[in-house]
Amino acid sequence: MSQPYSDSDLAVALSRTAADGSVRVTAKGRGALAEQIREIAFAQGVAVRRDADLAEILDAVEIDCEIPAAALGAVAEILNRLYQANLEIAS
């Protein structure tokens, strides 16, 4: 990685469930664990976005729980951009 992260850095991984379309927190961590989450995401080709405020909101969510309504708008925007990028790549 080109930019070092500190122990206070936070990473939160999300996934969308096929059954009901809800977005859930699938992993989260700070420091070395956050770095590992990002490395896995990069290795899998998952788009990563840096948004400290959204990450702090999502950090309050337990693993495998739906994200709160307050974060839905931001997450929807991120997912929309990811889907558009995937469509462009597929074309």
PDB file of N, CA and C in Angstrom:
ATOM      1  N   MET A   1       0.839  -1.177   0.000  1.00  0.00           N
ATOM      2  CA  MET A   1       0.000   0.000   0.000  1.00  0.00           C
ATOM      3  C   MET A   1       0.885   1.240   0.000  1.00  0.00           C
ATOM      4  N   SER A   2       0.434   2.249  -0.654  1.00  0.00           N
ATOM      5  CA  SER A   2       1.240   3.451  -0.770  1.00  0.00           C
ATOM      6  C   SER A   2       1.131   4.359   0.441  1.00  0.00           C
ATOM      7  N   GLN A   3       0.066   4.243   1.181  1.00  0.00           N
ATOM      8  CA  GLN A   3      -0.142   5.127   2.321  1.00  0.00           C
ATOM      9  C   GLN A   3      -0.231   4.301   3.599  1.00  0.00           C
ATOM     10  N   PRO A   4       0.630   4.583   4.591  1.00  0.00           N
ATOM     11  CA  PRO A   4       0.580   3.802   5.827  1.00  0.00           C
ATOM     12  C   PRO A   4      -0.675   4.119   6.634  1.00  0.00           C
ATOM     13  N   TYR A   5      -1.123   3.132   7.369  1.00  0.00           N
ATOM     14  CA  TYR A   5      -2.304   3.289   8.215  1.00  0.00           C
ATOM     15  C   TYR A   5      -1.875   3.215   9.668  1.00  0.00           C
ATOM     16  N   SER A   6      -2.613   3.876  10.530  1.00  0.00           N
ATOM     17  CA  SER A   6      -2.306   3.858  11.958  1.00  0.00           C
ATOM     18  C   SER A   6      -3.201   2.852  12.667  1.00  0.00           C
ATOM     19  N   ASP A   7      -2.931   2.623  13.952  1.00  0.00           N
ATOM     20  CA  ASP A   7      -3.730   1.689  14.742  1.00  0.00           C
ATOM     21  C   ASP A   7      -5.179   2.138  14.878  1.00  0.00           C
ATOM     22  N   SER A   8      -5.438   3.431  14.676  1.00  0.00           N
ATOM     23  CA  SER A   8      -6.812   3.915  14.806  1.00  0.00           C
ATOM     24  C   SER A   8      -7.600   3.774  13.506  1.00  0.00           C
ATOM     25  N   ASP A   9      -6.923   3.372  12.404  1.00  0.00           N
ATOM     26  CA  ASP A   9      -7.622   3.186  11.138  1.00  0.00           C
ATOM     27  C   ASP A   9      -8.655   2.080  11.265  1.00  0.00           C
ATOM     28  N   LEU A  10      -9.742   2.256  10.561  1.00  0.00           N
ATOM     29  CA  LEU A  10     -10.873   1.340  10.641  1.00  0.00           C
ATOM     30  C   LEU A  10     -11.254   0.889   9.246  1.00  0.00           C
ATOM     31  N   ALA A  11     -11.542  -0.387   9.100  1.00  0.00           N
ATOM     32  CA  ALA A  11     -12.071  -0.918   7.843  1.00  0.00           C
ATOM     33  C   ALA A  11     -13.329  -1.708   8.164  1.00  0.00           C
ATOM     34  N   VAL A  12     -14.330  -1.545   7.308  1.00  0.00           N
ATOM     35  CA  VAL A  12     -15.587  -2.273   7.466  1.00  0.00           C
ATOM     36  C   VAL A  12     -15.938  -2.875   6.111  1.00  0.00           C
ATOM     37  N   ALA A  13     -16.212  -4.174   6.093  1.00  0.00           N
ATOM     38  CA  ALA A  13     -16.601  -4.859   4.859  1.00  0.00           C
ATOM     39  C   ALA A  13     -18.102  -5.099   4.875  1.00  0.00           C
ATOM     40  N   LEU A  14     -18.722  -4.889   3.720  1.00  0.00           N
ATOM     41  CA  LEU A  14     -20.165  -5.066   3.581  1.00  0.00           C
ATOM     42  C   LEU A  14     -20.454  -6.106   2.517  1.00  0.00           C
ATOM     43  N   SER A  15     -21.618  -6.740   2.638  1.00  0.00           N
ATOM     44  CA  SER A  15     -22.088  -7.615   1.569  1.00  0.00           C
ATOM     45  C   SER A  15     -23.599  -7.496   1.482  1.00  0.00           C
ATOM     46  N   ARG A  16     -24.091  -7.782   0.301  1.00  0.00           N
ATOM     47  CA  ARG A  16     -25.534  -7.736   0.068  1.00  0.00           C
ATOM     48  C   ARG A  16     -26.039  -9.169   0.030  1.00  0.00           C
ATOM     49  N   THR A  17     -27.095  -9.461   0.792  1.00  0.00           N
ATOM     50  CA  THR A  17     -27.631 -10.815   0.818  1.00  0.00           C
ATOM     51  C   THR A  17     -28.526 -11.047  -0.386  1.00  0.00           C
ATOM     52  N   ALA A  18     -28.416 -12.228  -0.956  1.00  0.00           N
ATOM     53  CA  ALA A  18     -29.228 -12.569  -2.126  1.00  0.00           C
ATOM     54  C   ALA A  18     -30.692 -12.765  -1.743  1.00  0.00           C
ATOM     55  N   ALA A  19     -30.934 -13.272  -0.548  1.00  0.00           N
ATOM     56  CA  ALA A  19     -32.297 -13.604  -0.142  1.00  0.00           C
ATOM     57  C   ALA A  19     -33.212 -12.387  -0.085  1.00  0.00           C
ATOM     58  N   ASP A  20     -32.769 -11.333   0.582  1.00  0.00           N
ATOM     59  CA  ASP A  20     -33.655 -10.174   0.747  1.00  0.00           C
ATOM     60  C   ASP A  20     -33.039  -8.858   0.284  1.00  0.00           C
ATOM     61  N   GLY A  21     -31.806  -8.899  -0.203  1.00  0.00           N
ATOM     62  CA  GLY A  21     -31.160  -7.689  -0.708  1.00  0.00           C
ATOM     63  C   GLY A  21     -30.637  -6.755   0.363  1.00  0.00           C
ATOM     64  N   SER A  22     -30.695  -7.171   1.618  1.00  0.00           N
ATOM     65  CA  SER A  22     -30.204  -6.305   2.687  1.00  0.00           C
ATOM     66  C   SER A  22     -28.679  -6.234   2.642  1.00  0.00           C
ATOM     67  N   VAL A  23     -28.146  -5.131   3.150  1.00  0.00           N
ATOM     68  CA  VAL A  23     -26.698  -4.938   3.215  1.00  0.00           C
ATOM     69  C   VAL A  23     -26.268  -5.167   4.656  1.00  0.00           C
ATOM     70  N   ARG A  24     -25.292  -6.027   4.834  1.00  0.00           N
ATOM     71  CA  ARG A  24     -24.839  -6.413   6.171  1.00  0.00           C
ATOM     72  C   ARG A  24     -23.342  -6.180   6.332  1.00  0.00           C
ATOM     73  N   VAL A  25     -22.944  -5.965   7.572  1.00  0.00           N
ATOM     74  CA  VAL A  25     -21.525  -5.867   7.912  1.00  0.00           C
ATOM     75  C   VAL A  25     -20.987  -7.293   7.994  1.00  0.00           C
ATOM     76  N   THR A  26     -19.946  -7.582   7.216  1.00  0.00           N
ATOM     77  CA  THR A  26     -19.387  -8.934   7.218  1.00  0.00           C
ATOM     78  C   THR A  26     -18.029  -9.026   7.903  1.00  0.00           C
ATOM     79  N   ALA A  27     -17.346  -7.893   8.048  1.00  0.00           N
ATOM     80  CA  ALA A  27     -16.062  -7.864   8.755  1.00  0.00           C
ATOM     81  C   ALA A  27     -15.767  -6.426   9.141  1.00  0.00           C
ATOM     82  N   LYS A  28     -15.036  -6.261  10.235  1.00  0.00           N
ATOM     83  CA  LYS A  28     -14.600  -4.924  10.635  1.00  0.00           C
ATOM     84  C   LYS A  28     -13.408  -5.065  11.561  1.00  0.00           C
ATOM     85  N   GLY A  29     -12.581  -4.043  11.575  1.00  0.00           N
ATOM     86  CA  GLY A  29     -11.426  -4.080  12.449  1.00  0.00           C
ATOM     87  C   GLY A  29     -10.610  -2.811  12.342  1.00  0.00           C
ATOM     88  N   ARG A  30      -9.706  -2.641  13.293  1.00  0.00           N
ATOM     89  CA  ARG A  30      -8.819  -1.477  13.341  1.00  0.00           C
ATOM     90  C   ARG A  30      -7.369  -1.935  13.241  1.00  0.00           C
ATOM     91  N   GLY A  31      -6.513  -1.002  12.863  1.00  0.00           N
ATOM     92  CA  GLY A  31      -5.078  -1.278  12.819  1.00  0.00           C
ATOM     93  C   GLY A  31      -4.719  -2.391  11.861  1.00  0.00           C
ATOM     94  N   ALA A  32      -3.986  -3.393  12.364  1.00  0.00           N
ATOM     95  CA  ALA A  32      -3.511  -4.491  11.519  1.00  0.00           C
ATOM     96  C   ALA A  32      -4.666  -5.279  10.916  1.00  0.00           C
ATOM     97  N   LEU A  33      -5.747  -5.455  11.666  1.00  0.00           N
ATOM     98  CA  LEU A  33      -6.906  -6.172  11.140  1.00  0.00           C
ATOM     99  C   LEU A  33      -7.553  -5.382  10.005  1.00  0.00           C
ATOM    100  N   ALA A  34      -7.628  -4.070  10.154  1.00  0.00           N
ATOM    101  CA  ALA A  34      -8.169  -3.221   9.085  1.00  0.00           C
ATOM    102  C   ALA A  34      -7.311  -3.354   7.832  1.00  0.00           C
ATOM    103  N   GLU A  35      -6.015  -3.363   8.011  1.00  0.00           N
ATOM    104  CA  GLU A  35      -5.101  -3.522   6.877  1.00  0.00           C
ATOM    105  C   GLU A  35      -5.341  -4.859   6.182  1.00  0.00           C
ATOM    106  N   GLN A  36      -5.538  -5.906   6.961  1.00  0.00           N
ATOM    107  CA  GLN A  36      -5.785  -7.235   6.392  1.00  0.00           C
ATOM    108  C   GLN A  36      -7.110  -7.257   5.622  1.00  0.00           C
ATOM    109  N   ILE A  37      -8.137  -6.610   6.154  1.00  0.00           N
ATOM    110  CA  ILE A  37      -9.431  -6.529   5.460  1.00  0.00           C
ATOM    111  C   ILE A  37      -9.249  -5.835   4.113  1.00  0.00           C
ATOM    112  N   ARG A  38      -8.512  -4.733   4.103  1.00  0.00           N
ATOM    113  CA  ARG A  38      -8.272  -4.007   2.846  1.00  0.00           C
ATOM    114  C   ARG A  38      -7.463  -4.852   1.862  1.00  0.00           C
ATOM    115  N   GLU A  39      -6.434  -5.543   2.352  1.00  0.00           N
ATOM    116  CA  GLU A  39      -5.613  -6.379   1.472  1.00  0.00           C
ATOM    117  C   GLU A  39      -6.449  -7.474   0.817  1.00  0.00           C
ATOM    118  N   ILE A  40      -7.331  -8.089   1.584  1.00  0.00           N
ATOM    119  CA  ILE A  40      -8.210  -9.126   1.030  1.00  0.00           C
ATOM    120  C   ILE A  40      -9.132  -8.518  -0.023  1.00  0.00           C
ATOM    121  N   ALA A  41      -9.679  -7.356   0.278  1.00  0.00           N
ATOM    122  CA  ALA A  41     -10.566  -6.685  -0.680  1.00  0.00           C
ATOM    123  C   ALA A  41      -9.826  -6.387  -1.978  1.00  0.00           C
ATOM    124  N   PHE A  42      -8.634  -5.806  -1.877  1.00  0.00           N
ATOM    125  CA  PHE A  42      -7.852  -5.491  -3.076  1.00  0.00           C
ATOM    126  C   PHE A  42      -7.529  -6.756  -3.864  1.00  0.00           C
ATOM    127  N   ALA A  43      -7.128  -7.819  -3.161  1.00  0.00           N
ATOM    128  CA  ALA A  43      -6.769  -9.074  -3.819  1.00  0.00           C
ATOM    129  C   ALA A  43      -7.954  -9.696  -4.550  1.00  0.00           C
ATOM    130  N   GLN A  44      -9.159  -9.480  -4.031  1.00  0.00           N
ATOM    131  CA  GLN A  44     -10.365 -10.031  -4.642  1.00  0.00           C
ATOM    132  C   GLN A  44     -10.984  -9.095  -5.672  1.00  0.00           C
ATOM    133  N   GLY A  45     -10.359  -7.944  -5.883  1.00  0.00           N
ATOM    134  CA  GLY A  45     -10.884  -6.988  -6.850  1.00  0.00           C
ATOM    135  C   GLY A  45     -12.082  -6.205  -6.357  1.00  0.00           C
ATOM    136  N   VAL A  46     -12.252  -6.148  -5.053  1.00  0.00           N
ATOM    137  CA  VAL A  46     -13.366  -5.410  -4.462  1.00  0.00           C
ATOM    138  C   VAL A  46     -12.986  -3.938  -4.378  1.00  0.00           C
ATOM    139  N   ALA A  47     -13.884  -3.082  -4.827  1.00  0.00           N
ATOM    140  CA  ALA A  47     -13.631  -1.644  -4.743  1.00  0.00           C
ATOM    141  C   ALA A  47     -13.613  -1.212  -3.284  1.00  0.00           C
ATOM    142  N   VAL A  48     -12.673  -0.350  -2.956  1.00  0.00           N
ATOM    143  CA  VAL A  48     -12.523   0.137  -1.588  1.00  0.00           C
ATOM    144  C   VAL A  48     -12.709   1.643  -1.601  1.00  0.00           C
ATOM    145  N   ARG A  49     -13.486   2.124  -0.656  1.00  0.00           N
ATOM    146  CA  ARG A  49     -13.721   3.562  -0.551  1.00  0.00           C
ATOM    147  C   ARG A  49     -13.318   4.009   0.843  1.00  0.00           C
ATOM    148  N   ARG A  50     -12.634   5.130   0.922  1.00  0.00           N
ATOM    149  CA  ARG A  50     -12.241   5.690   2.211  1.00  0.00           C
ATOM    150  C   ARG A  50     -13.276   6.732   2.614  1.00  0.00           C
ATOM    151  N   ASP A  51     -13.993   6.456   3.697  1.00  0.00           N
ATOM    152  CA  ASP A  51     -15.009   7.366   4.223  1.00  0.00           C
ATOM    153  C   ASP A  51     -15.051   7.159   5.733  1.00  0.00           C
ATOM    154  N   ALA A  52     -14.284   7.960   6.459  1.00  0.00           N
ATOM    155  CA  ALA A  52     -14.129   7.780   7.905  1.00  0.00           C
ATOM    156  C   ALA A  52     -15.453   7.908   8.648  1.00  0.00           C
ATOM    157  N   ASP A  53     -16.294   8.860   8.252  1.00  0.00           N
ATOM    158  CA  ASP A  53     -17.573   9.047   8.939  1.00  0.00           C
ATOM    159  C   ASP A  53     -18.477   7.829   8.765  1.00  0.00           C
ATOM    160  N   LEU A  54     -18.585   7.337   7.546  1.00  0.00           N
ATOM    161  CA  LEU A  54     -19.410   6.159   7.292  1.00  0.00           C
ATOM    162  C   LEU A  54     -18.842   4.943   8.019  1.00  0.00           C
ATOM    163  N   ALA A  55     -17.520   4.796   8.018  1.00  0.00           N
ATOM    164  CA  ALA A  55     -16.896   3.667   8.713  1.00  0.00           C
ATOM    165  C   ALA A  55     -17.213   3.691  10.205  1.00  0.00           C
ATOM    166  N   GLU A  56     -17.214   4.868  10.808  1.00  0.00           N
ATOM    167  CA  GLU A  56     -17.532   4.966  12.239  1.00  0.00           C
ATOM    168  C   GLU A  56     -18.981   4.569  12.512  1.00  0.00           C
ATOM    169  N   ILE A  57     -19.893   4.964  11.631  1.00  0.00           N
ATOM    170  CA  ILE A  57     -21.299   4.554  11.786  1.00  0.00           C
ATOM    171  C   ILE A  57     -21.401   3.038  11.681  1.00  0.00           C
ATOM    172  N   LEU A  58     -20.744   2.477  10.675  1.00  0.00           N
ATOM    173  CA  LEU A  58     -20.823   1.036  10.449  1.00  0.00           C
ATOM    174  C   LEU A  58     -20.094   0.236  11.518  1.00  0.00           C
ATOM    175  N   ASP A  59     -19.120   0.837  12.179  1.00  0.00           N
ATOM    176  CA  ASP A  59     -18.398   0.149  13.248  1.00  0.00           C
ATOM    177  C   ASP A  59     -19.314  -0.187  14.421  1.00  0.00           C
ATOM    178  N   ALA A  60     -20.382   0.566  14.579  1.00  0.00           N
ATOM    179  CA  ALA A  60     -21.325   0.314  15.671  1.00  0.00           C
ATOM    180  C   ALA A  60     -22.242  -0.875  15.382  1.00  0.00           C
ATOM    181  N   VAL A  61     -22.230  -1.356  14.148  1.00  0.00           N
ATOM    182  CA  VAL A  61     -23.091  -2.470  13.748  1.00  0.00           C
ATOM    183  C   VAL A  61     -22.372  -3.788  14.025  1.00  0.00           C
ATOM    184  N   GLU A  62     -23.082  -4.730  14.616  1.00  0.00           N
ATOM    185  CA  GLU A  62     -22.511  -6.050  14.884  1.00  0.00           C
ATOM    186  C   GLU A  62     -22.295  -6.805  13.570  1.00  0.00           C
ATOM    187  N   ILE A  63     -21.332  -7.713  13.573  1.00  0.00           N
ATOM    188  CA  ILE A  63     -21.065  -8.550  12.403  1.00  0.00           C
ATOM    189  C   ILE A  63     -22.327  -9.336  12.050  1.00  0.00           C
ATOM    190  N   ASP A  64     -22.622  -9.430  10.765  1.00  0.00           N
ATOM    191  CA  ASP A  64     -23.770 -10.138  10.194  1.00  0.00           C
ATOM    192  C   ASP A  64     -25.107  -9.480  10.527  1.00  0.00           C
ATOM    193  N   CYS A  65     -25.073  -8.186  10.841  1.00  0.00           N
ATOM    194  CA  CYS A  65     -26.307  -7.437  11.077  1.00  0.00           C
ATOM    195  C   CYS A  65     -26.489  -6.417   9.961  1.00  0.00           C
ATOM    196  N   GLU A  66     -27.759  -6.075   9.697  1.00  0.00           N
ATOM    197  CA  GLU A  66     -28.058  -5.076   8.675  1.00  0.00           C
ATOM    198  C   GLU A  66     -27.520  -3.717   9.088  1.00  0.00           C
ATOM    199  N   ILE A  67     -27.157  -2.920   8.090  1.00  0.00           N
ATOM    200  CA  ILE A  67     -26.663  -1.578   8.378  1.00  0.00           C
ATOM    201  C   ILE A  67     -27.826  -0.682   8.791  1.00  0.00           C
ATOM    202  N   PRO A  68     -27.561   0.374   9.585  1.00  0.00           N
ATOM    203  CA  PRO A  68     -28.629   1.266  10.051  1.00  0.00           C
ATOM    204  C   PRO A  68     -29.159   2.165   8.937  1.00  0.00           C
ATOM    205  N   ALA A  69     -30.374   2.627   9.127  1.00  0.00           N
ATOM    206  CA  ALA A  69     -31.022   3.500   8.144  1.00  0.00           C
ATOM    207  C   ALA A  69     -30.185   4.743   7.857  1.00  0.00           C
ATOM    208  N   ALA A  70     -29.478   5.255   8.858  1.00  0.00           N
ATOM    209  CA  ALA A  70     -28.666   6.468   8.685  1.00  0.00           C
ATOM    210  C   ALA A  70     -27.555   6.275   7.657  1.00  0.00           C
ATOM    211  N   ALA A  71     -27.137   5.048   7.439  1.00  0.00           N
ATOM    212  CA  ALA A  71     -26.046   4.776   6.508  1.00  0.00           C
ATOM    213  C   ALA A  71     -26.535   4.305   5.138  1.00  0.00           C
ATOM    214  N   LEU A  72     -27.821   4.058   4.997  1.00  0.00           N
ATOM    215  CA  LEU A  72     -28.336   3.487   3.750  1.00  0.00           C
ATOM    216  C   LEU A  72     -28.058   4.354   2.530  1.00  0.00           C
ATOM    217  N   GLY A  73     -28.228   5.655   2.650  1.00  0.00           N
ATOM    218  CA  GLY A  73     -28.008   6.546   1.511  1.00  0.00           C
ATOM    219  C   GLY A  73     -26.588   6.477   0.999  1.00  0.00           C
ATOM    220  N   ALA A  74     -25.633   6.556   1.904  1.00  0.00           N
ATOM    221  CA  ALA A  74     -24.222   6.510   1.514  1.00  0.00           C
ATOM    222  C   ALA A  74     -23.862   5.153   0.923  1.00  0.00           C
ATOM    223  N   VAL A  75     -24.351   4.091   1.532  1.00  0.00           N
ATOM    224  CA  VAL A  75     -24.052   2.752   1.030  1.00  0.00           C
ATOM    225  C   VAL A  75     -24.706   2.543  -0.335  1.00  0.00           C
ATOM    226  N   ALA A  76     -25.928   3.022  -0.507  1.00  0.00           N
ATOM    227  CA  ALA A  76     -26.602   2.900  -1.803  1.00  0.00           C
ATOM    228  C   ALA A  76     -25.815   3.616  -2.899  1.00  0.00           C
ATOM    229  N   GLU A  77     -25.284   4.783  -2.583  1.00  0.00           N
ATOM    230  CA  GLU A  77     -24.474   5.533  -3.557  1.00  0.00           C
ATOM    231  C   GLU A  77     -23.217   4.747  -3.934  1.00  0.00           C
ATOM    232  N   ILE A  78     -22.561   4.180  -2.944  1.00  0.00           N
ATOM    233  CA  ILE A  78     -21.351   3.395  -3.198  1.00  0.00           C
ATOM    234  C   ILE A  78     -21.679   2.177  -4.061  1.00  0.00           C
ATOM    235  N   LEU A  79     -22.740   1.453  -3.688  1.00  0.00           N
ATOM    236  CA  LEU A  79     -23.112   0.265  -4.452  1.00  0.00           C
ATOM    237  C   LEU A  79     -23.479   0.617  -5.886  1.00  0.00           C
ATOM    238  N   ASN A  80     -24.188   1.724  -6.072  1.00  0.00           N
ATOM    239  CA  ASN A  80     -24.560   2.153  -7.415  1.00  0.00           C
ATOM    240  C   ASN A  80     -23.314   2.405  -8.266  1.00  0.00           C
ATOM    241  N   ARG A  81     -22.336   3.084  -7.697  1.00  0.00           N
ATOM    242  CA  ARG A  81     -21.092   3.350  -8.441  1.00  0.00           C
ATOM    243  C   ARG A  81     -20.347   2.056  -8.770  1.00  0.00           C
ATOM    244  N   LEU A  82     -20.361   1.117  -7.833  1.00  0.00           N
ATOM    245  CA  LEU A  82     -19.698  -0.161  -8.082  1.00  0.00           C
ATOM    246  C   LEU A  82     -20.391  -0.934  -9.196  1.00  0.00           C
ATOM    247  N   TYR A  83     -21.720  -0.962  -9.174  1.00  0.00           N
ATOM    248  CA  TYR A  83     -22.467  -1.672 -10.214  1.00  0.00           C
ATOM    249  C   TYR A  83     -22.221  -1.038 -11.577  1.00  0.00           C
ATOM    250  N   GLN A  84     -22.192   0.295 -11.623  1.00  0.00           N
ATOM    251  CA  GLN A  84     -21.928   0.985 -12.887  1.00  0.00           C
ATOM    252  C   GLN A  84     -20.525   0.656 -13.401  1.00  0.00           C
ATOM    253  N   ALA A  85     -19.551   0.639 -12.503  1.00  0.00           N
ATOM    254  CA  ALA A  85     -18.180   0.307 -12.902  1.00  0.00           C
ATOM    255  C   ALA A  85     -18.108  -1.121 -13.432  1.00  0.00           C
ATOM    256  N   ASN A  86     -18.814  -2.041 -12.780  1.00  0.00           N
ATOM    257  CA  ASN A  86     -18.825  -3.431 -13.238  1.00  0.00           C
ATOM    258  C   ASN A  86     -19.452  -3.552 -14.622  1.00  0.00           C
ATOM    259  N   LEU A  87     -20.517  -2.793 -14.870  1.00  0.00           N
ATOM    260  CA  LEU A  87     -21.158  -2.813 -16.185  1.00  0.00           C
ATOM    261  C   LEU A  87     -20.216  -2.289 -17.259  1.00  0.00           C
ATOM    262  N   GLU A  88     -19.481  -1.228 -16.934  1.00  0.00           N
ATOM    263  CA  GLU A  88     -18.529  -0.663 -17.895  1.00  0.00           C
ATOM    264  C   GLU A  88     -17.403  -1.647 -18.200  1.00  0.00           C
ATOM    265  N   ILE A  89     -16.950  -2.345 -17.185  1.00  0.00           N
ATOM    266  CA  ILE A  89     -15.880  -3.328 -17.376  1.00  0.00           C
ATOM    267  C   ILE A  89     -16.376  -4.482 -18.240  1.00  0.00           C
ATOM    268  N   ALA A  90     -17.623  -4.904 -18.011  1.00  0.00           N
ATOM    269  CA  ALA A  90     -18.189  -6.026 -18.757  1.00  0.00           C
ATOM    270  C   ALA A  90     -18.455  -5.681 -20.220  1.00  0.00           C
ATOM    271  N   SER A  91     -18.616  -4.395 -20.517  1.00  0.00           N
ATOM    272  CA  SER A  91     -18.931  -3.976 -21.902  1.00  0.00           C
ATOM    273  C   SER A  91     -17.740  -4.031 -22.814  1.00  0.00           C
TER     274      SER A  91
END
